[in-house]
Structure formats: C-alpha cells, structure tokens
Amino acid sequence: MELDNRKSDQGSNAPFSSNLQLYSYCHSSCSWRIRFALCLKGIPYEYREVDLVKGEQYSPEFERLNPLHYVPVLVDDNVVVSDSYAIFLHLEEKYTQKPLLPVDPQLRALNLQVASIVHSSIQPLHMLAVLKDMEKMFGAESKPWAQFTINKGFSALEKLLKDFSATYATGERIYMADVFLAPQIEQAVQRFGVDMSKFPTLSRLYETYKALPEFQASSPQ
C-alpha cells in the first residue's frame, strides 16, 4: 500500500506542535468531518490518503490501524482512534482551543444528537461499501435508496433545528452539528442529487458552510 503522505497547512498558524496523522479518503464525508474540525480548531496534521476505490483500506498496514477497514483513522502520538465521532470527541477533549461543543447543556445535547443522526442514521446507509454490496447482492439500483435514507434523515434534522438555527445549526457559533452536517449536505446535493427545496433550514446552512474558508480548505478538491 502506497500512502500519500502530505503535511496539511490547515491550521499551520496554531501556537503548538502536533504529531497528528490523519488516514483519510478525500471523497469520504466521514473523513471530511475530521478535516473540517481540524481546520476549524487550527490543528496541523499529516494527511495520509487511503484510496478506497483502489482497495488500500484492505492493506496489512491499514488493517493494523482499523480492522474494520474504514476511514478516517487518527494517529495522535501513541493513541490510535478510528470512527469520526470518536475522533471528534478525542480532539475536543485533548485540544481545547476553539471548542466545537457548547457549554450549555441543551445546546450540547442537541449538537451531539444532530451529529449522531448524521453519523449513525444517514451516512452508514449510503456509504460506498453498502451501495456496492446492494448492487452486487440484490441487483438493486443504489441511488434511489441513498436518496430515501438521506431524505428521511434530513426531514428529522429540519424539525430538530428549525427553532434553534441562526447563522449556524444551533446558534451564532459553529459547533459539532455543523461539522457533521456540512459534508453530508454537500454529498447529498452533489453526489445523490437530493432536492434541498424541501429542507429550507438545511439549505440556508449549506450556503453558509460553502462560504467558510475552513470548509473550502478541507474539501475533496
């Protein structure tokens, strides 16, 4: 497995040194969440590309890091963390500058809930491996299924956020909910052609996210 090792300049002005390595696939929304979070928190890291299309996630090297063969994986000195939700919480607990979880208990719970919906109830149902298995095992066209699962999740998120959203998902500051929402909405629109007119709150947030330098810097492009 030949990993693409590049030092990211995202957060290069951070007032501390970091030995973080992020194993990531550029088009993975799970990986994008963590790239976005690292950029927002100003944490420098070494980017290691794992090409899922080429099957690099099944290499012995990567399997030692994550036997599930999923990205992202974060190596933080002697700590290895896989799964974007767990990685985010690790970063939030260890690197306390520019917090991405609010102190207020209600807003904190809402951020955790929104992130969990994206992480557990939307993205896993349309991830690349699942869609490939559907087509292989059942001969089913995968795009309608992906649109169905995204629409279901977005309907719930729209209801949850309508009374809390302002500039960002849960108020005037960017938090965990936004970190998980932004790549998910981008993929829904660009990859699966989801009609966002049914989700005015999420559509407005998406326009805000697209203008953020940190979102642009962490994008697959």
Protein backbone atom coordinates (compact mmCIF):
# COMPACT_ATOMS: atom_id res chain seq x y z
CA MET A 1 0.00 0.00 0.00
CA GLU A 2 1.44 3.33 -1.02
CA LEU A 3 0.03 6.05 1.15
CA ASP A 4 0.05 9.66 0.04
CA ASN A 5 1.85 11.48 2.86
CA ARG A 6 1.41 15.21 2.84
CA LYS A 7 1.68 17.77 5.59
CA SER A 8 -1.51 19.78 5.65
CA ASP A 9 -1.13 23.52 6.02
CA GLN A 10 -4.59 23.72 7.55
CA GLY A 11 -4.05 25.29 10.92
CA SER A 12 -0.34 25.88 10.32
CA ASN A 13 -0.51 29.04 12.45
CA ALA A 14 -1.55 27.07 15.53
CA PRO A 15 0.57 28.01 18.59
CA PHE A 16 1.63 24.43 19.35
CA SER A 17 3.24 21.46 17.69
CA SER A 18 1.24 18.42 16.67
CA ASN A 19 2.17 14.87 15.71
CA LEU A 20 -1.22 14.01 14.27
CA GLN A 21 -1.58 11.75 11.26
CA LEU A 22 -4.98 11.50 9.58
CA TYR A 23 -5.66 8.50 7.38
CA SER A 24 -8.33 9.81 5.06
CA TYR A 25 -10.00 9.35 1.70
CA CYS A 26 -10.66 12.69 0.03
CA HIS A 27 -14.24 11.87 -1.03
CA SER A 28 -15.27 10.29 2.29
CA SER A 29 -17.70 12.56 4.14
CA CYS A 30 -16.65 10.91 7.42
CA SER A 31 -13.05 11.91 6.72
CA TRP A 32 -14.16 15.36 5.62
CA ARG A 33 -15.80 15.95 9.01
CA ILE A 34 -12.47 15.47 10.72
CA ARG A 35 -10.52 17.54 8.20
CA PHE A 36 -13.09 20.30 8.73
CA ALA A 37 -12.82 20.04 12.53
CA LEU A 38 -9.01 20.09 12.45
CA CYS A 39 -9.11 23.14 10.22
CA LEU A 40 -11.61 24.96 12.45
CA LYS A 41 -9.54 24.21 15.55
CA GLY A 42 -6.30 25.23 13.84
CA ILE A 43 -4.55 21.91 14.39
CA PRO A 44 -1.78 20.95 11.92
CA TYR A 45 -1.63 17.35 10.83
CA GLU A 46 -0.06 14.96 8.35
CA TYR A 47 -2.51 13.83 5.67
CA ARG A 48 -2.30 10.18 4.61
CA GLU A 49 -4.50 9.26 1.68
CA VAL A 50 -6.18 5.84 1.69
CA ASP A 51 -7.75 5.26 -1.72
CA LEU A 52 -10.93 3.28 -1.09
CA VAL A 53 -11.55 2.75 -4.80
CA LYS A 54 -8.18 1.03 -5.15
CA GLY A 55 -8.85 -1.05 -2.03
CA GLU A 56 -5.98 0.40 0.02
CA GLN A 57 -8.11 0.05 3.16
CA TYR A 58 -7.52 -3.72 2.99
CA SER A 59 -3.75 -3.49 3.13
CA PRO A 60 -2.00 -5.09 6.13
CA GLU A 61 -0.66 -1.69 7.14
CA PHE A 62 -4.11 -0.12 7.35
CA GLU A 63 -5.73 -3.20 8.90
CA ARG A 64 -3.38 -2.84 11.87
CA LEU A 65 -4.87 0.62 12.42
CA ASN A 66 -8.51 -0.32 11.84
CA PRO A 67 -9.60 -3.95 11.35
CA LEU A 68 -12.95 -2.65 10.05
CA HIS A 69 -11.11 -1.13 7.08
CA TYR A 70 -12.94 2.20 7.37
CA VAL A 71 -11.62 5.76 7.22
CA PRO A 72 -10.89 8.04 8.94
CA VAL A 73 -8.25 6.93 11.41
CA LEU A 74 -6.35 9.39 13.56
CA VAL A 75 -2.92 8.62 14.99
CA ASP A 76 -2.08 11.02 17.81
CA ASP A 77 1.35 10.01 19.10
CA ASN A 78 0.65 6.62 20.72
CA VAL A 79 -3.15 6.94 20.51
CA VAL A 80 -4.97 5.43 17.53
CA VAL A 81 -8.63 6.36 17.09
CA SER A 82 -10.96 5.23 14.32
CA ASP A 83 -14.54 6.38 13.64
CA SER A 84 -15.21 10.07 13.03
CA TYR A 85 -17.47 10.50 16.07
CA ALA A 86 -14.82 9.10 18.41
CA ILE A 87 -12.07 11.07 16.69
CA PHE A 88 -14.03 14.30 17.04
CA LEU A 89 -14.55 13.75 20.78
CA HIS A 90 -10.86 12.89 21.22
CA LEU A 91 -9.86 16.13 19.51
CA GLU A 92 -12.37 18.13 21.53
CA GLU A 93 -11.13 16.73 24.84
CA LYS A 94 -7.40 16.98 24.13
CA TYR A 95 -7.21 20.15 22.03
CA THR A 96 -9.38 22.60 23.90
CA GLN A 97 -8.71 25.71 21.83
CA LYS A 98 -11.63 26.85 19.68
CA PRO A 99 -14.17 24.46 21.25
CA LEU A 100 -16.69 22.87 18.92
CA LEU A 101 -19.11 21.74 21.63
CA PRO A 102 -21.09 24.37 23.58
CA VAL A 103 -21.13 24.54 27.38
CA ASP A 104 -24.91 24.99 27.59
CA PRO A 105 -26.37 21.53 28.35
CA GLN A 106 -29.33 21.83 25.98
CA LEU A 107 -27.26 23.05 23.03
CA ARG A 108 -24.55 20.49 23.79
CA ALA A 109 -27.10 17.67 23.75
CA LEU A 110 -28.60 18.99 20.51
CA ASN A 111 -25.19 19.08 18.85
CA LEU A 112 -24.47 15.52 19.94
CA GLN A 113 -27.86 14.39 18.67
CA VAL A 114 -27.53 16.04 15.27
CA ALA A 115 -24.04 14.61 14.81
CA SER A 116 -25.28 11.18 15.85
CA ILE A 117 -28.14 11.26 13.33
CA VAL A 118 -25.71 12.04 10.51
CA HIS A 119 -23.13 9.57 11.78
CA SER A 120 -25.44 6.67 12.66
CA SER A 121 -28.75 7.06 10.81
CA ILE A 122 -27.87 8.67 7.46
CA GLN A 123 -24.30 8.20 6.22
CA PRO A 124 -23.84 4.48 7.06
CA LEU A 125 -26.87 3.62 4.94
CA HIS A 126 -25.41 5.14 1.77
CA MET A 127 -21.68 4.61 2.27
CA LEU A 128 -19.76 3.33 -0.72
CA ALA A 129 -19.32 -0.23 0.59
CA VAL A 130 -23.03 -0.60 1.37
CA LEU A 131 -24.17 0.67 -2.03
CA LYS A 132 -21.74 -1.65 -3.80
CA ASP A 133 -22.98 -4.61 -1.75
CA MET A 134 -26.61 -3.74 -2.57
CA GLU A 135 -25.90 -3.71 -6.27
CA LYS A 136 -23.84 -6.90 -6.10
CA MET A 137 -26.16 -8.95 -3.85
CA PHE A 138 -29.58 -7.75 -4.97
CA GLY A 139 -29.01 -6.13 -8.34
CA ALA A 140 -30.68 -3.04 -6.91
CA GLU A 141 -30.07 0.47 -8.15
CA SER A 142 -28.46 2.22 -5.21
CA LYS A 143 -29.17 5.90 -5.87
CA PRO A 144 -32.92 5.81 -5.02
CA TRP A 145 -32.10 4.06 -1.75
CA ALA A 146 -29.49 6.67 -0.89
CA GLN A 147 -31.95 9.48 -1.66
CA PHE A 148 -34.61 7.82 0.50
CA THR A 149 -32.33 7.46 3.52
CA ILE A 150 -30.98 11.00 3.19
CA ASN A 151 -34.47 12.49 2.82
CA LYS A 152 -35.65 10.62 5.91
CA GLY A 153 -32.74 11.86 7.97
CA PHE A 154 -32.92 15.41 6.65
CA SER A 155 -36.64 15.59 7.50
CA ALA A 156 -35.81 14.80 11.11
CA LEU A 157 -32.93 17.28 11.20
CA GLU A 158 -35.08 20.02 9.70
CA LYS A 159 -37.60 19.61 12.52
CA LEU A 160 -34.92 19.45 15.20
CA LEU A 161 -33.11 22.58 14.09
CA LYS A 162 -35.88 24.92 12.96
CA ASP A 163 -36.24 26.55 16.41
CA PHE A 164 -32.51 26.69 17.20
CA SER A 165 -30.70 27.57 13.99
CA ALA A 166 -29.36 31.03 13.27
CA THR A 167 -26.18 31.68 11.30
CA TYR A 168 -25.21 28.10 12.17
CA ALA A 169 -27.16 24.99 13.07
CA THR A 170 -27.57 25.69 16.79
CA GLY A 171 -26.96 29.43 17.02
CA GLU A 172 -24.41 32.07 16.13
CA ARG A 173 -21.33 29.90 16.64
CA ILE A 174 -20.13 26.96 14.62
CA TYR A 175 -20.22 23.68 16.53
CA MET A 176 -20.18 19.91 16.16
CA ALA A 177 -23.57 19.80 14.45
CA ASP A 178 -22.24 21.98 11.64
CA VAL A 179 -19.07 19.91 11.29
CA PHE A 180 -21.14 16.79 10.67
CA LEU A 181 -23.88 18.45 8.62
CA ALA A 182 -21.74 20.33 6.10
CA PRO A 183 -20.10 17.38 4.29
CA GLN A 184 -23.32 15.36 4.49
CA ILE A 185 -25.35 18.07 2.77
CA GLU A 186 -22.63 18.56 0.16
CA GLN A 187 -22.69 14.86 -0.71
CA ALA A 188 -26.48 14.78 -0.74
CA VAL A 189 -26.55 17.57 -3.29
CA GLN A 190 -23.51 16.82 -5.42
CA ARG A 191 -23.40 13.02 -5.35
CA PHE A 192 -27.02 11.96 -4.95
CA GLY A 193 -28.98 14.90 -6.37
CA VAL A 194 -31.22 15.36 -3.32
CA ASP A 195 -33.82 18.11 -3.73
CA MET A 196 -32.98 20.54 -0.93
CA SER A 197 -36.02 22.76 -1.51
CA LYS A 198 -37.87 20.55 0.99
CA PHE A 199 -35.35 21.50 3.67
CA PRO A 200 -35.14 25.31 3.92
CA THR A 201 -33.16 25.37 7.16
CA LEU A 202 -30.56 22.91 5.91
CA SER A 203 -30.40 24.71 2.55
CA ARG A 204 -29.67 28.03 4.25
CA LEU A 205 -26.99 26.43 6.42
CA TYR A 206 -25.41 24.84 3.36
CA GLU A 207 -24.96 28.24 1.73
CA THR A 208 -23.24 29.45 4.90
CA TYR A 209 -20.93 26.44 5.01
CA LYS A 210 -19.87 26.79 1.38
CA ALA A 211 -18.55 30.29 2.08
CA LEU A 212 -16.36 29.22 5.00
CA PRO A 213 -12.62 29.13 4.21
CA GLU A 214 -12.22 26.14 6.53
CA PHE A 215 -14.90 24.21 4.66
CA GLN A 216 -13.29 25.02 1.33
CA ALA A 217 -9.80 24.14 2.59
CA SER A 218 -10.94 20.73 3.87
CA SER A 219 -12.97 19.82 0.79
CA PRO A 220 -12.05 16.92 -1.53
CA GLN A 221 -10.94 19.45 -4.14
